[in-house]
Amino acid sequence: MRTSLSNIKLLVSTLLYGAICASGFASFHVFGRSLPRSLTEMSAGLEAILWDMDGVLADTERDGHRPAFNQAFEESRLNTEWDVDRYGKLLEVGGGKERMTAHWNEVGWPEALPEELRQDKVKELHLRKTDIFMDFIKTKKIPLRPGVLRIIDDAITADLKLAVCSTSNENAVRNLVITLMGPERAAKFQIFAGDMVKNKKPAPDVYNMAVEAMGLDKSKCVIVEDSGIGFAAAKAAGISCIVTKSSYTAGENFSG
């Protein structure tokens, strides 16, 4: 199911309350299966919304993670800087440590990182990058995307279960939810992160963990994602997915 963030409130409201959708959603597809024209069947049994974080709750990739990586590289004098386009390409790789490794495998590793030190240094850099990123959140340099709080409040009012299922570090996810949503809303969420599972997206592990831990029925859940990697994870988990495109995923093809 593909839609813009501005239309998610209407769509989620349709899912929550079983209203008949008259805005063309009947032509959308979920994993190749046409939706019911009124969406009543899905809305009647909806019990949980599982949110991705980066690009969905906040447009963190371009203006959060990327500059945080660059600051960490600069502090370690690695002569590495990711511009907007390069980072967009690297987003095809899931996970920050994996992203750094893929980049340097492609362009060559810095002289300061001999092979025997690379794995430990990548972990160290990722920890530092996470600290920088969390400072960005604390100072509210990264706002929530418009409309997110309204959708979440509607879901809370409807007594839906909520979770964030992200490739990012658990502390970063929890910090963003608490800081930008406030403690009362944050208390309604369970957090499942990339460092809690064996395989990151596009593997379905984080969504399967959420379903198992929360005691959910996959047929009664909906995932909100913004990227091809996230969409693939939702599809592999067998859970319906709303895609709201972000700054880095506007040109991706989510058909099929």
Protein backbone atom coordinates (compact mmCIF):
# COMPACT_ATOMS: atom_id res chain seq x y z
CA MET A 1 0.00 0.00 0.00
CA ARG A 2 1.62 3.28 -1.06
CA THR A 3 0.65 6.75 0.06
CA SER A 4 2.09 10.09 1.16
CA LEU A 5 2.45 10.98 4.83
CA SER A 6 -0.25 13.61 4.42
CA ASN A 7 -2.69 10.82 3.52
CA ILE A 8 -1.70 8.41 6.31
CA LYS A 9 -4.07 10.01 8.82
CA LEU A 10 -6.99 9.41 6.46
CA LEU A 11 -5.82 5.89 5.75
CA VAL A 12 -5.16 4.98 9.38
CA SER A 13 -8.48 6.54 10.38
CA THR A 14 -10.08 4.30 7.76
CA LEU A 15 -8.30 1.32 9.24
CA LEU A 16 -9.28 2.31 12.77
CA TYR A 17 -12.91 3.11 12.25
CA GLY A 18 -13.90 1.09 9.20
CA ALA A 19 -15.00 4.12 7.21
CA ILE A 20 -15.53 3.69 3.48
CA CYS A 21 -12.55 5.15 1.61
CA ALA A 22 -13.58 7.31 -1.33
CA SER A 23 -10.10 8.63 -2.21
CA GLY A 24 -8.82 5.99 -4.59
CA PHE A 25 -7.23 3.62 -2.11
CA ALA A 26 -9.25 0.77 -3.61
CA SER A 27 -6.72 0.69 -6.46
CA PHE A 28 -3.74 0.26 -4.14
CA HIS A 29 -2.20 -3.12 -3.43
CA VAL A 30 -0.60 -4.86 -0.48
CA PHE A 31 1.98 -7.42 -1.61
CA GLY A 32 0.05 -7.91 -4.84
CA ARG A 33 -3.33 -8.49 -3.20
CA SER A 34 -6.06 -5.92 -3.83
CA LEU A 35 -7.51 -4.32 -0.72
CA PRO A 36 -11.23 -4.53 0.05
CA ARG A 37 -12.85 -1.48 -1.49
CA SER A 38 -14.18 -0.22 1.86
CA LEU A 39 -11.23 -1.54 3.93
CA THR A 40 -13.84 -2.63 6.47
CA GLU A 41 -12.47 -6.15 6.67
CA MET A 42 -8.97 -4.94 7.57
CA SER A 43 -10.07 -2.15 9.91
CA ALA A 44 -12.38 -4.38 11.91
CA GLY A 45 -9.50 -6.50 13.15
CA LEU A 46 -6.61 -4.03 13.31
CA GLU A 47 -4.79 -4.32 16.63
CA ALA A 48 -1.32 -2.84 16.12
CA ILE A 49 0.74 -0.36 14.10
CA LEU A 50 4.45 -1.11 13.79
CA TRP A 51 6.49 1.96 12.83
CA ASP A 52 9.88 2.25 11.23
CA MET A 53 11.81 5.23 12.64
CA ASP A 54 14.27 6.70 10.13
CA GLY A 55 12.37 8.41 7.35
CA VAL A 56 8.97 7.59 8.86
CA LEU A 57 8.70 9.14 12.33
CA ALA A 58 11.40 11.68 11.45
CA ASP A 59 13.42 12.39 8.32
CA THR A 60 16.60 11.46 10.17
CA GLU A 61 18.76 9.98 7.45
CA ARG A 62 19.88 13.05 5.51
CA ASP A 63 19.95 15.56 8.36
CA GLY A 64 20.64 13.31 11.35
CA HIS A 65 22.55 10.11 10.74
CA ARG A 66 24.61 11.44 7.81
CA PRO A 67 26.07 14.48 9.61
CA ALA A 68 26.56 12.36 12.74
CA PHE A 69 28.64 9.87 10.75
CA ASN A 70 30.62 12.73 9.21
CA GLN A 71 31.36 14.26 12.61
CA ALA A 72 32.56 10.89 13.91
CA PHE A 73 34.81 10.48 10.84
CA GLU A 74 36.22 13.97 11.31
CA GLU A 75 36.98 13.39 14.99
CA SER A 76 38.95 10.26 14.05
CA ARG A 77 40.69 12.07 11.16
CA LEU A 78 39.63 9.46 8.61
CA ASN A 79 39.38 11.84 5.64
CA THR A 80 35.90 10.53 4.90
CA GLU A 81 32.80 12.62 4.31
CA TRP A 82 29.46 11.42 2.95
CA ASP A 83 27.59 13.98 0.88
CA VAL A 84 23.84 13.76 0.39
CA ASP A 85 24.04 11.70 -2.79
CA ARG A 86 26.66 9.27 -1.52
CA TYR A 87 24.72 8.60 1.67
CA GLY A 88 21.59 8.05 -0.35
CA LYS A 89 23.38 5.30 -2.25
CA LEU A 90 24.71 3.78 0.97
CA LEU A 91 21.18 3.51 2.33
CA GLU A 92 20.81 0.49 0.08
CA VAL A 93 22.85 -1.25 2.82
CA GLY A 94 20.97 -1.87 6.07
CA GLY A 95 22.75 -0.91 9.30
CA GLY A 96 25.35 1.72 10.15
CA LYS A 97 28.29 -0.59 10.77
CA GLU A 98 27.47 -2.47 7.61
CA ARG A 99 27.20 0.84 5.74
CA MET A 100 30.68 1.98 6.77
CA THR A 101 32.14 -1.40 5.83
CA ALA A 102 30.46 -1.37 2.44
CA HIS A 103 31.70 2.15 1.71
CA TRP A 104 35.34 1.48 2.55
CA ASN A 105 35.28 -1.91 0.84
CA GLU A 106 34.26 -0.04 -2.29
CA VAL A 107 36.51 3.04 -2.17
CA GLY A 108 39.41 1.71 -0.11
CA TRP A 109 40.03 1.76 3.62
CA PRO A 110 41.74 4.75 5.28
CA GLU A 111 45.44 4.24 5.98
CA ALA A 112 44.72 4.74 9.68
CA LEU A 113 42.65 1.54 9.69
CA PRO A 114 44.83 -1.53 9.05
CA GLU A 115 42.87 -4.73 8.55
CA GLU A 116 43.38 -6.06 12.07
CA LEU A 117 41.82 -2.89 13.58
CA ARG A 118 38.92 -2.39 11.20
CA GLN A 119 36.18 -4.36 12.92
CA ASP A 120 36.80 -2.79 16.33
CA LYS A 121 37.13 0.71 14.87
CA VAL A 122 33.87 0.38 12.94
CA LYS A 123 32.11 -0.56 16.19
CA GLU A 124 33.76 2.37 17.98
CA LEU A 125 32.77 4.79 15.23
CA HIS A 126 29.20 3.57 15.28
CA LEU A 127 28.95 4.06 19.04
CA ARG A 128 30.34 7.59 18.71
CA LYS A 129 28.00 8.33 15.80
CA THR A 130 25.07 7.17 17.93
CA ASP A 131 26.08 9.53 20.75
CA ILE A 132 26.28 12.44 18.30
CA PHE A 133 22.93 11.50 16.79
CA MET A 134 21.31 11.38 20.24
CA ASP A 135 22.69 14.84 20.99
CA PHE A 136 20.97 16.04 17.80
CA ILE A 137 17.71 14.57 19.08
CA LYS A 138 18.08 16.04 22.58
CA THR A 139 18.57 19.49 21.11
CA LYS A 140 15.63 18.88 18.77
CA LYS A 141 17.64 19.46 15.63
CA ILE A 142 15.64 16.59 14.10
CA PRO A 143 11.86 17.17 14.33
CA LEU A 144 9.12 14.62 13.83
CA ARG A 145 7.55 14.59 10.39
CA PRO A 146 4.38 16.67 10.13
CA GLY A 147 1.25 14.76 11.11
CA VAL A 148 2.98 11.97 13.03
CA LEU A 149 1.74 12.96 16.48
CA ARG A 150 -1.85 13.31 15.26
CA ILE A 151 -1.80 9.78 13.80
CA ILE A 152 -0.27 8.37 16.98
CA ASP A 153 -2.84 10.14 19.15
CA ASP A 154 -5.63 8.67 17.01
CA ALA A 155 -4.11 5.21 17.41
CA ILE A 156 -3.78 5.63 21.18
CA THR A 157 -7.40 6.79 21.40
CA ALA A 158 -8.41 3.67 19.47
CA ASP A 159 -6.44 1.55 21.97
CA LEU A 160 -4.11 0.13 19.32
CA LYS A 161 -0.80 -1.40 20.31
CA LEU A 162 2.22 0.55 19.06
CA ALA A 163 5.85 -0.32 18.42
CA VAL A 164 8.87 1.14 16.69
CA CYS A 165 10.79 -1.49 14.72
CA SER A 166 14.01 0.06 13.49
CA THR A 167 17.42 -0.87 12.15
CA SER A 168 18.90 1.84 14.38
CA ASN A 169 20.45 1.38 17.83
CA GLU A 170 17.94 0.75 20.64
CA ASN A 171 19.09 3.76 22.68
CA ALA A 172 18.76 6.08 19.69
CA VAL A 173 15.24 4.84 18.96
CA ARG A 174 14.10 5.13 22.57
CA ASN A 175 15.67 8.58 22.91
CA LEU A 176 13.89 9.88 19.82
CA VAL A 177 10.51 8.52 20.89
CA ILE A 178 10.75 9.92 24.44
CA THR A 179 12.23 13.30 23.48
CA LEU A 180 10.11 14.12 20.45
CA MET A 181 6.82 12.50 21.48
CA GLY A 182 6.90 13.08 25.22
CA PRO A 183 6.90 10.50 28.04
CA GLU A 184 3.15 9.84 28.01
CA ARG A 185 3.07 8.84 24.35
CA ALA A 186 6.40 7.05 24.63
CA ALA A 187 4.96 4.84 27.37
CA LYS A 188 2.52 3.43 24.79
CA PHE A 189 5.35 2.14 22.57
CA GLN A 190 7.47 -0.97 22.65
CA ILE A 191 10.90 -0.65 21.04
CA PHE A 192 12.56 -3.24 18.80
CA ALA A 193 15.89 -2.28 17.26
CA GLY A 194 18.62 -3.48 14.96
CA ASP A 195 20.98 -4.39 17.79
CA MET A 196 18.33 -6.71 19.27
CA VAL A 197 18.13 -9.12 16.32
CA LYS A 198 20.54 -11.33 14.39
CA ASN A 199 19.65 -10.03 10.94
CA LYS A 200 18.69 -6.46 10.09
CA LYS A 201 16.22 -5.32 7.43
CA PRO A 202 15.50 -6.41 4.69
CA ALA A 203 15.36 -9.56 6.84
CA PRO A 204 12.04 -9.71 8.75
CA ASP A 205 13.65 -10.44 12.14
CA VAL A 206 12.75 -7.18 13.90
CA TYR A 207 9.10 -7.43 12.86
CA ASN A 208 8.90 -11.10 13.79
CA MET A 209 10.40 -10.24 17.19
CA ALA A 210 7.79 -7.54 17.74
CA VAL A 211 4.90 -9.83 16.81
CA GLU A 212 6.16 -12.57 19.11
CA ALA A 213 6.99 -10.29 22.06
CA MET A 214 3.68 -8.41 21.85
CA GLY A 215 1.56 -11.50 21.19
CA LEU A 216 0.18 -10.11 17.93
CA ASP A 217 -1.63 -11.69 15.01
CA LYS A 218 0.19 -10.68 11.81
CA SER A 219 -3.09 -10.44 9.91
CA LYS A 220 -4.21 -7.74 12.35
CA CYS A 221 -1.11 -5.54 12.08
CA VAL A 222 0.03 -2.82 9.70
CA ILE A 223 3.62 -1.64 9.22
CA VAL A 224 4.57 1.92 8.22
CA GLU A 225 7.81 2.07 6.19
CA ASP A 226 9.53 4.48 3.83
CA SER A 227 12.19 2.45 1.98
CA GLY A 228 12.57 -0.55 -0.27
CA ILE A 229 14.61 -2.28 2.42
CA GLY A 230 11.85 -1.74 4.98
CA PHE A 231 9.13 -2.74 2.54
CA ALA A 232 11.04 -5.96 1.80
CA ALA A 233 11.26 -6.68 5.54
CA ALA A 234 7.51 -6.17 5.94
CA LYS A 235 6.80 -8.36 2.95
CA ALA A 236 9.11 -11.10 4.24
CA ALA A 237 7.32 -10.94 7.60
CA GLY A 238 3.97 -11.34 5.86
CA ILE A 239 2.51 -8.14 7.33
CA SER A 240 0.57 -5.45 5.44
CA CYS A 241 2.63 -2.30 4.86
CA ILE A 242 1.89 1.39 4.26
CA VAL A 243 4.77 3.14 2.47
CA THR A 244 5.27 6.86 3.05
CA LYS A 245 8.16 8.04 0.89
CA SER A 246 10.86 10.20 2.49
CA SER A 247 13.54 12.48 1.07
CA TYR A 248 15.79 9.58 0.14
CA THR A 249 13.13 7.16 -1.10
CA ALA A 250 11.02 9.37 -3.35
CA GLY A 251 12.30 7.64 -6.47
CA GLU A 252 12.07 4.05 -5.25
CA ASN A 253 9.67 1.60 -6.86
CA PHE A 254 7.39 -0.13 -4.35
CA SER A 255 5.27 -2.09 -6.81
CA GLY A 256 4.84 -5.82 -6.32
